[in-house]
Amino acid sequence: MLPFRTGNSRVIEAWVRRAEQGDASAQCNLGVLYGSGKGVSQDYTEAAGQFNLGALYRDGRGVTRDLAEAARWFGKAAEQGIAPAQYNLGLMFRDGLGVAQDQVEALKWLSLAVMNAHEERRGKYSEARDLLAQQLPQHQAAEAQNRVRRWKAQTTSWKKKRRVAVA
């Protein structure tokens, strides 16, 4: 039984802070919330949970609206290859919402979102990426693609290290 009425944003925010600091009890409580869908969107995996926290903060659902916090949680999920998080983070960089506006970083994340997206979302993500790419000078578009290559190389080597460590 949860020790509060679901939807209590202050309690959820406190659990998020404590969970980030490694508090197992807070992590467990957030897991229960995500597993049950009470007070937050139902979800079973950490990366998708991070994306959901980003959406909650972006929209102010169940927590105080905080675009910087939304960008931080989208960033955590984006680093793990979650395409909707990469897309949302790209839009936030493009528009300067919760982060300093950075068109090159925006194009990087939008490009990665297209690469990682399911077929049904790829068109929407491609449209945003292509529109931004057309607006940027050639050298900035090239820099964004260099960042994409570096991100993919780092992510690939991280996955390889993780597989070796787990095996």
Protein backbone atom coordinates (compact mmCIF):
# COMPACT_ATOMS: atom_id res chain seq x y z
CA MET A 1 0.00 0.00 0.00
CA LEU A 2 1.39 3.41 -0.95
CA PRO A 3 1.75 5.80 1.99
CA PHE A 4 0.04 8.73 0.23
CA ARG A 5 -2.76 9.56 -2.13
CA THR A 6 -1.57 9.06 -5.70
CA GLY A 7 -0.96 12.23 -7.63
CA ASN A 8 0.77 13.99 -4.71
CA SER A 9 3.41 15.86 -6.71
CA ARG A 10 5.56 16.87 -3.73
CA VAL A 11 5.95 13.26 -2.62
CA ILE A 12 6.77 12.10 -6.15
CA GLU A 13 9.33 14.91 -6.57
CA ALA A 14 10.94 13.99 -3.23
CA TRP A 15 11.13 10.33 -4.27
CA VAL A 16 12.75 11.28 -7.58
CA ARG A 17 15.42 13.32 -5.75
CA ARG A 18 16.06 10.53 -3.25
CA ALA A 19 16.07 7.86 -5.99
CA GLU A 20 18.73 9.81 -7.90
CA GLN A 21 20.89 9.77 -4.77
CA GLY A 22 20.63 5.99 -4.63
CA ASP A 23 17.88 5.65 -2.02
CA ALA A 24 16.58 2.11 -2.59
CA SER A 25 13.29 2.79 -0.82
CA ALA A 26 12.55 5.77 -3.09
CA GLN A 27 13.56 3.75 -6.15
CA CYS A 28 11.24 0.97 -5.04
CA ASN A 29 8.36 3.39 -4.46
CA LEU A 30 8.82 4.95 -7.90
CA GLY A 31 8.96 1.45 -9.38
CA VAL A 32 5.65 0.62 -7.71
CA LEU A 33 4.11 3.79 -9.13
CA TYR A 34 5.37 3.06 -12.64
CA GLY A 35 4.33 -0.57 -12.39
CA SER A 36 0.82 0.28 -11.24
CA GLY A 37 0.34 3.47 -13.23
CA LYS A 38 -0.98 5.22 -10.11
CA GLY A 39 -0.14 8.91 -10.21
CA VAL A 40 2.25 8.44 -13.14
CA SER A 41 2.20 6.75 -16.54
CA GLN A 42 2.51 2.97 -16.28
CA ASP A 43 5.92 1.69 -17.37
CA TYR A 44 8.22 -1.26 -16.75
CA THR A 45 11.68 -0.27 -17.90
CA GLU A 46 14.10 2.30 -16.52
CA ALA A 47 14.78 4.14 -19.77
CA ALA A 48 11.11 4.41 -20.62
CA GLY A 49 10.52 5.47 -17.01
CA GLN A 50 13.06 8.25 -17.47
CA PHE A 51 11.27 9.32 -20.65
CA ASN A 52 7.98 9.34 -18.74
CA LEU A 53 9.50 11.50 -16.00
CA GLY A 54 10.64 13.92 -18.69
CA ALA A 55 7.12 14.07 -20.08
CA LEU A 56 5.64 14.57 -16.61
CA TYR A 57 7.96 17.52 -15.93
CA ARG A 58 7.45 18.97 -19.42
CA ASP A 59 3.67 18.83 -19.09
CA GLY A 60 3.41 19.50 -15.36
CA ARG A 61 1.41 16.30 -14.75
CA GLY A 62 1.72 15.16 -11.16
CA VAL A 63 4.75 17.41 -10.60
CA THR A 64 5.51 21.10 -10.90
CA ARG A 65 6.22 21.97 -14.56
CA ASP A 66 10.00 22.29 -14.94
CA LEU A 67 11.46 22.30 -18.45
CA ALA A 68 15.07 22.01 -17.25
CA GLU A 69 14.13 18.91 -15.27
CA ALA A 70 12.23 17.57 -18.29
CA ALA A 71 15.30 18.04 -20.48
CA ARG A 72 17.46 16.28 -17.90
CA TRP A 73 15.21 13.20 -17.80
CA PHE A 74 14.75 13.17 -21.58
CA GLY A 75 18.55 13.32 -21.79
CA LYS A 76 18.98 10.27 -19.57
CA ALA A 77 16.56 8.27 -21.73
CA ALA A 78 18.00 9.69 -24.97
CA GLU A 79 21.48 8.53 -24.01
CA GLN A 80 20.05 5.00 -23.78
CA GLY A 81 18.70 5.17 -27.33
CA ILE A 82 15.00 5.87 -26.62
CA ALA A 83 13.85 7.55 -29.84
CA PRO A 84 10.92 9.57 -28.39
CA ALA A 85 13.28 10.98 -25.76
CA GLN A 86 15.84 11.83 -28.44
CA TYR A 87 13.12 13.57 -30.45
CA ASN A 88 11.83 15.56 -27.47
CA LEU A 89 15.35 16.51 -26.40
CA GLY A 90 16.08 17.64 -29.97
CA LEU A 91 13.00 19.86 -29.94
CA MET A 92 14.01 21.32 -26.59
CA PHE A 93 17.48 22.19 -27.91
CA ARG A 94 15.97 23.58 -31.11
CA ASP A 95 13.60 25.87 -29.21
CA GLY A 96 15.75 26.58 -26.16
CA LEU A 97 13.22 25.05 -23.75
CA GLY A 98 14.86 24.07 -20.46
CA VAL A 99 18.30 24.13 -22.11
CA ALA A 100 20.39 26.70 -23.94
CA GLN A 101 19.29 26.85 -27.55
CA ASP A 102 21.73 24.84 -29.69
CA GLN A 103 20.72 24.05 -33.25
CA VAL A 104 23.64 21.66 -33.82
CA GLU A 105 22.81 19.63 -30.72
CA ALA A 106 19.15 19.70 -31.76
CA LEU A 107 19.99 18.27 -35.19
CA LYS A 108 22.13 15.58 -33.57
CA TRP A 109 19.28 14.37 -31.35
CA LEU A 110 16.65 14.62 -34.09
CA SER A 111 18.91 12.61 -36.41
CA LEU A 112 19.39 9.92 -33.77
CA ALA A 113 15.64 9.84 -33.15
CA VAL A 114 15.05 9.10 -36.84
CA MET A 115 17.63 6.29 -36.76
CA ASN A 116 16.12 4.68 -33.66
CA ALA A 117 12.42 5.30 -34.31
CA HIS A 118 9.76 2.73 -34.99
CA GLU A 119 8.36 2.98 -38.51
CA GLU A 120 5.15 4.74 -37.41
CA ARG A 121 7.10 7.66 -35.88
CA ARG A 122 9.96 7.90 -38.35
CA GLY A 123 8.08 10.24 -40.72
CA LYS A 124 7.26 12.77 -38.01
CA TYR A 125 10.82 12.70 -36.69
CA SER A 126 12.29 12.97 -40.22
CA GLU A 127 10.17 16.01 -40.98
CA ALA A 128 11.48 17.88 -37.91
CA ARG A 129 15.07 16.85 -38.66
CA ASP A 130 14.89 17.78 -42.34
CA LEU A 131 13.31 21.18 -41.67
CA LEU A 132 16.04 22.06 -39.17
CA ALA A 133 18.83 20.73 -41.43
CA GLN A 134 17.60 22.96 -44.28
CA GLN A 135 17.80 26.02 -42.04
CA LEU A 136 21.37 25.42 -40.84
CA PRO A 137 24.57 26.46 -42.61
CA GLN A 138 26.42 23.51 -44.12
CA HIS A 139 29.21 23.56 -41.51
CA GLN A 140 26.69 23.27 -38.65
CA ALA A 141 24.85 20.38 -40.31
CA ALA A 142 28.21 18.65 -40.83
CA GLU A 143 29.10 19.19 -37.15
CA ALA A 144 25.78 17.65 -36.10
CA GLN A 145 26.54 14.57 -38.19
CA ASN A 146 30.01 14.35 -36.60
CA ARG A 147 28.34 14.39 -33.18
CA VAL A 148 25.97 11.63 -34.29
CA ARG A 149 28.93 9.48 -35.38
CA ARG A 150 30.76 10.09 -32.08
CA TRP A 151 27.62 9.29 -30.07
CA LYS A 152 27.07 6.06 -31.97
CA ALA A 153 30.71 5.02 -31.53
CA GLN A 154 30.62 5.72 -27.79
CA THR A 155 27.29 3.98 -27.38
CA THR A 156 28.46 0.94 -29.34
CA SER A 157 31.64 0.63 -27.28
CA TRP A 158 29.62 1.06 -24.04
CA LYS A 159 27.26 -1.74 -25.09
CA LYS A 160 30.23 -3.99 -25.92
CA LYS A 161 31.86 -3.28 -22.52
CA ARG A 162 28.58 -3.95 -20.74
CA ARG A 163 28.11 -7.26 -22.56
CA VAL A 164 31.61 -8.36 -21.56
CA ALA A 165 31.09 -7.27 -17.93
CA VAL A 166 27.77 -9.12 -17.68
CA ALA A 167 28.96 -12.30 -19.39
